[in-house]
Amino acid sequence: MLPIDAAAHSSRWRRRHPVEKAALGFGLTLSAVCLPPWPGALLVATATLAVLLGPAGVPGRQLWRAFRIPLGFCVTGAVPLLFAVGGSGGPVAWAPDGPVHAGELLLRTASASLGVLLFAFTTPVSDVLPRLVRAGVPAPVVDVALVMYRIVFLLLDAQSKVRQAQAARLGATTRAAVWRSMAGLGATSFVRAFDRAQRLQTGLAGRGYDGTLRVLLPEAPVSRPFLAATGGLLAGLVALTLVLERLLP
């Protein structure tokens, strides 16, 4: 299991309805996208971090490990805004407002990523997918997603065991050995993926699979106070952004 999935299953908000956490997480993401980067995105990022590290109880180290990957994409997308191609300055030159635009983009995308991580760190995928059928998603699509979600973790576990076996047999001592180990790992993963799929099909057929995977979900009523607090937080961020936008230069 990936660390973010393990954190979601052990989250303080594990028993809350996914609608509540989606309203909060994606509401913060939408606010980061729609509000002005300064000071709106900064306020949204601060509020999201406060919720993640406070009520949600996400460990700071796990949050950083998960956030640094999308943060790298955010930085990569912001760096090109620092340069201007062509024009009077030459083939490549510093853009006049490049740092401002790059900083705004970085603030907006980083704060939006934190909102998505808020939902991911508090809501297991296994709680979301079965409920999508009630939202109108075709049942076969949800079934395929559930099966693929399960198979991914099985293959990751198999790859980890193969790597350990290769390392125990000195499969990473030289560059040539590393390339051979990588080729063997890819071939083994390919074969095991087909084997897992065939075994899964046989197991489903033996259990009378009729086209729908029935999954028992724990009862989780939607909390109106939680949704009201979410609405109040989002409204407060919008109001504070509009006030500070007028006061700050």
Protein backbone atom coordinates (compact mmCIF):
# COMPACT_ATOMS: atom_id res chain seq x y z
CA MET A 1 0.00 0.00 0.00
CA LEU A 2 1.25 3.47 -0.86
CA PRO A 3 1.94 5.82 2.07
CA ILE A 4 -0.85 8.21 1.06
CA ASP A 5 -3.35 5.33 0.97
CA ALA A 6 -2.20 4.09 4.36
CA ALA A 7 -2.59 7.62 5.74
CA ALA A 8 -6.09 7.87 4.27
CA HIS A 9 -7.17 4.60 5.89
CA SER A 10 -5.86 5.74 9.30
CA SER A 11 -7.06 9.34 9.02
CA ARG A 12 -9.13 10.99 11.73
CA TRP A 13 -11.74 11.73 9.08
CA ARG A 14 -11.82 8.16 7.79
CA ARG A 15 -15.45 7.66 8.87
CA ARG A 16 -16.72 10.93 7.42
CA HIS A 17 -18.75 10.85 4.23
CA PRO A 18 -16.63 11.47 1.11
CA VAL A 19 -19.02 14.26 0.06
CA GLU A 20 -17.97 16.31 3.09
CA LYS A 21 -14.28 15.94 2.36
CA ALA A 22 -14.79 16.52 -1.36
CA ALA A 23 -16.66 19.74 -0.65
CA LEU A 24 -13.80 20.95 1.55
CA GLY A 25 -10.84 19.76 -0.52
CA PHE A 26 -12.14 20.61 -3.96
CA GLY A 27 -13.73 23.80 -2.66
CA LEU A 28 -10.30 24.95 -1.53
CA THR A 29 -8.83 23.88 -4.86
CA LEU A 30 -11.47 25.84 -6.77
CA SER A 31 -10.86 28.86 -4.55
CA ALA A 32 -7.13 28.69 -5.28
CA VAL A 33 -7.82 28.61 -9.00
CA CYS A 34 -10.47 31.35 -9.08
CA LEU A 35 -9.17 33.84 -6.50
CA PRO A 36 -6.30 36.21 -7.27
CA PRO A 37 -2.92 34.59 -6.62
CA TRP A 38 -2.03 37.40 -4.24
CA PRO A 39 -3.30 37.26 -1.59
CA GLY A 40 -6.01 34.68 -2.41
CA ALA A 41 -3.87 31.65 -3.23
CA LEU A 42 -1.60 32.32 -0.27
CA LEU A 43 -4.58 32.48 2.09
CA VAL A 44 -6.00 29.27 0.63
CA ALA A 45 -2.66 27.47 1.01
CA THR A 46 -2.38 28.64 4.62
CA ALA A 47 -5.92 27.51 5.44
CA THR A 48 -5.41 24.15 3.72
CA LEU A 49 -2.18 23.50 5.61
CA ALA A 50 -3.89 24.42 8.87
CA VAL A 51 -6.69 21.92 8.19
CA LEU A 52 -4.29 19.19 7.05
CA LEU A 53 -1.96 19.47 10.03
CA GLY A 54 -4.70 20.32 12.52
CA PRO A 55 -8.18 18.73 12.38
CA ALA A 56 -7.26 16.20 9.67
CA GLY A 57 -4.19 15.06 11.63
CA VAL A 58 -1.91 14.46 8.65
CA PRO A 59 1.75 14.06 9.73
CA GLY A 60 3.92 16.83 8.37
CA ARG A 61 6.59 14.46 7.06
CA GLN A 62 4.09 12.39 5.08
CA LEU A 63 2.50 15.54 3.72
CA TRP A 64 5.84 16.87 2.50
CA ARG A 65 6.74 13.56 0.85
CA ALA A 66 3.48 13.60 -1.08
CA PHE A 67 3.50 17.34 -1.82
CA ARG A 68 7.03 17.59 -3.17
CA ILE A 69 6.11 15.66 -6.34
CA PRO A 70 3.31 18.01 -7.50
CA LEU A 71 5.40 20.92 -6.25
CA GLY A 72 8.11 19.89 -8.67
CA PHE A 73 5.62 20.03 -11.53
CA CYS A 74 4.45 23.44 -10.31
CA VAL A 75 8.01 24.78 -10.32
CA THR A 76 8.67 23.25 -13.74
CA GLY A 77 5.60 24.98 -15.15
CA ALA A 78 6.52 28.33 -13.60
CA VAL A 79 10.16 28.48 -14.72
CA PRO A 80 9.41 29.04 -18.47
CA LEU A 81 7.49 32.20 -17.57
CA LEU A 82 10.78 33.77 -16.52
CA PHE A 83 12.00 33.87 -20.13
CA ALA A 84 10.86 35.48 -23.36
CA VAL A 85 11.65 33.82 -26.68
CA GLY A 86 12.39 36.14 -29.59
CA GLY A 87 11.93 39.89 -29.67
CA SER A 88 14.37 42.74 -29.26
CA GLY A 89 16.17 41.08 -26.35
CA GLY A 90 17.53 38.24 -28.45
CA PRO A 91 16.55 34.61 -29.01
CA VAL A 92 16.09 34.05 -25.26
CA ALA A 93 15.86 36.85 -22.71
CA TRP A 94 14.43 37.57 -19.30
CA ALA A 95 10.72 38.38 -19.49
CA PRO A 96 9.88 41.84 -18.11
CA ASP A 97 7.14 40.58 -15.78
CA GLY A 98 8.41 37.01 -15.69
CA PRO A 99 9.08 36.73 -11.94
CA VAL A 100 5.66 38.13 -11.12
CA HIS A 101 3.82 35.77 -13.45
CA ALA A 102 5.94 32.81 -12.36
CA GLY A 103 5.31 33.53 -8.70
CA GLU A 104 1.57 33.89 -9.27
CA LEU A 105 1.40 30.62 -11.18
CA LEU A 106 3.44 28.84 -8.52
CA LEU A 107 1.21 30.14 -5.73
CA ARG A 108 -1.96 29.19 -7.56
CA THR A 109 -0.90 25.67 -8.58
CA ALA A 110 0.76 24.83 -5.26
CA SER A 111 -2.27 25.88 -3.22
CA ALA A 112 -4.59 23.99 -5.58
CA SER A 113 -2.43 20.86 -5.17
CA LEU A 114 -2.75 21.11 -1.40
CA GLY A 115 -6.54 21.09 -1.73
CA VAL A 116 -6.40 17.88 -3.75
CA LEU A 117 -4.02 16.32 -1.22
CA LEU A 118 -6.47 17.18 1.54
CA PHE A 119 -9.06 14.94 -0.10
CA ALA A 120 -6.50 12.23 -0.91
CA PHE A 121 -5.06 12.08 2.62
CA THR A 122 -8.48 11.73 4.26
CA THR A 123 -10.48 9.61 1.78
CA PRO A 124 -9.48 6.10 0.66
CA VAL A 125 -10.19 5.28 -2.96
CA SER A 126 -12.15 2.23 -1.84
CA ASP A 127 -14.66 4.56 -0.15
CA VAL A 128 -15.13 6.73 -3.23
CA LEU A 129 -15.39 4.33 -6.15
CA PRO A 130 -18.43 2.28 -5.01
CA ARG A 131 -20.36 5.48 -4.31
CA LEU A 132 -19.82 6.73 -7.85
CA VAL A 133 -22.54 4.37 -9.05
CA ARG A 134 -25.09 6.37 -7.07
CA ALA A 135 -23.73 9.52 -8.73
CA GLY A 136 -24.57 8.16 -12.17
CA VAL A 137 -21.28 6.58 -13.22
CA PRO A 138 -21.92 3.28 -15.09
CA ALA A 139 -21.38 0.26 -12.87
CA PRO A 140 -18.99 -1.53 -15.31
CA VAL A 141 -16.70 1.51 -15.28
CA VAL A 142 -16.60 1.51 -11.49
CA ASP A 143 -15.97 -2.25 -11.41
CA VAL A 144 -13.01 -1.93 -13.77
CA ALA A 145 -11.59 0.90 -11.64
CA LEU A 146 -11.95 -1.18 -8.46
CA VAL A 147 -10.23 -4.17 -10.05
CA MET A 148 -7.40 -2.07 -11.47
CA TYR A 149 -6.95 -0.36 -8.10
CA ARG A 150 -6.50 -3.75 -6.47
CA ILE A 151 -4.20 -5.10 -9.18
CA VAL A 152 -1.91 -2.05 -8.99
CA PHE A 153 -1.08 -2.79 -5.36
CA LEU A 154 -0.58 -6.48 -6.07
CA LEU A 155 1.87 -5.66 -8.86
CA LEU A 156 3.71 -3.11 -6.70
CA ASP A 157 4.11 -5.75 -4.01
CA ALA A 158 5.36 -8.26 -6.59
CA GLN A 159 7.86 -5.74 -7.98
CA SER A 160 9.16 -5.05 -4.48
CA LYS A 161 9.76 -8.75 -3.87
CA VAL A 162 11.50 -9.15 -7.25
CA ARG A 163 13.79 -6.20 -6.50
CA GLN A 164 14.71 -7.69 -3.13
CA ALA A 165 15.48 -11.02 -4.77
CA GLN A 166 17.62 -9.34 -7.43
CA ALA A 167 19.51 -7.32 -4.84
CA ALA A 168 20.17 -10.48 -2.80
CA ARG A 169 21.65 -12.07 -5.94
CA LEU A 170 23.96 -9.07 -6.60
CA GLY A 171 21.75 -7.79 -9.41
CA ALA A 172 22.80 -4.17 -8.88
CA THR A 173 26.57 -4.43 -8.58
CA THR A 174 27.44 -3.19 -12.08
CA ARG A 175 25.72 -1.11 -14.74
CA ALA A 176 25.21 -4.14 -16.94
CA ALA A 177 23.72 -6.05 -14.02
CA VAL A 178 21.35 -3.16 -13.32
CA TRP A 179 20.12 -3.17 -16.92
CA ARG A 180 19.62 -6.93 -16.83
CA SER A 181 17.73 -6.63 -13.55
CA MET A 182 15.49 -3.90 -14.97
CA ALA A 183 14.72 -6.02 -18.02
CA GLY A 184 13.94 -9.02 -15.85
CA LEU A 185 11.75 -6.90 -13.59
CA GLY A 186 9.76 -5.58 -16.56
CA ALA A 187 9.30 -9.05 -18.04
CA THR A 188 8.24 -10.52 -14.71
CA SER A 189 5.76 -7.71 -14.07
CA PHE A 190 4.25 -8.17 -17.53
CA VAL A 191 3.79 -11.90 -17.05
CA ARG A 192 2.41 -11.56 -13.54
CA ALA A 193 -0.07 -8.89 -14.66
CA PHE A 194 -1.62 -11.33 -17.14
CA ASP A 195 -1.51 -14.12 -14.57
CA ARG A 196 -3.28 -11.96 -11.97
CA ALA A 197 -5.92 -10.94 -14.50
CA GLN A 198 -6.60 -14.55 -15.50
CA ARG A 199 -6.83 -15.71 -11.89
CA LEU A 200 -9.14 -12.81 -11.07
CA GLN A 201 -11.43 -13.68 -13.99
CA THR A 202 -11.53 -17.31 -12.88
CA GLY A 203 -12.31 -16.32 -9.31
CA LEU A 204 -15.11 -13.99 -10.33
CA ALA A 205 -16.62 -16.62 -12.61
CA GLY A 206 -16.54 -19.15 -9.76
CA ARG A 207 -18.42 -16.73 -7.52
CA GLY A 208 -21.23 -16.14 -10.00
CA TYR A 209 -20.15 -12.73 -11.29
CA ASP A 210 -23.07 -11.16 -13.14
CA GLY A 211 -21.51 -7.88 -14.22
CA THR A 212 -21.64 -5.99 -10.91
CA LEU A 213 -19.26 -6.08 -7.97
CA ARG A 214 -21.29 -5.60 -4.80
CA VAL A 215 -19.30 -3.89 -2.07
CA LEU A 216 -20.47 -3.28 1.48
CA LEU A 217 -19.91 0.31 2.54
CA PRO A 218 -19.95 1.57 6.13
CA GLU A 219 -22.77 3.90 7.03
CA ALA A 220 -21.55 7.50 6.97
CA PRO A 221 -24.28 10.14 7.16
CA VAL A 222 -23.51 13.55 5.72
CA SER A 223 -22.82 16.04 8.50
CA ARG A 224 -24.60 19.33 7.95
CA PRO A 225 -22.47 21.17 10.56
CA PHE A 226 -19.33 20.07 8.70
CA LEU A 227 -20.72 21.34 5.40
CA ALA A 228 -21.77 24.58 7.07
CA ALA A 229 -18.27 25.03 8.50
CA THR A 230 -16.82 24.31 5.05
CA GLY A 231 -19.05 26.94 3.48
CA GLY A 232 -18.11 29.42 6.19
CA LEU A 233 -14.40 28.78 5.64
CA LEU A 234 -14.64 29.24 1.88
CA ALA A 235 -16.77 32.37 2.23
CA GLY A 236 -14.34 33.76 4.78
CA LEU A 237 -11.40 33.18 2.46
CA VAL A 238 -13.19 34.94 -0.40
CA ALA A 239 -14.16 37.90 1.78
CA LEU A 240 -10.68 38.21 3.31
CA THR A 241 -9.10 38.08 -0.13
CA LEU A 242 -11.31 40.87 -1.44
CA VAL A 243 -10.56 43.03 1.61
CA LEU A 244 -6.80 42.49 1.49
CA GLU A 245 -6.75 43.02 -2.26
CA ARG A 246 -8.01 46.53 -1.69
CA LEU A 247 -5.72 47.28 1.22
CA LEU A 248 -2.50 45.77 -0.10
CA PRO A 249 -0.74 47.28 -3.13
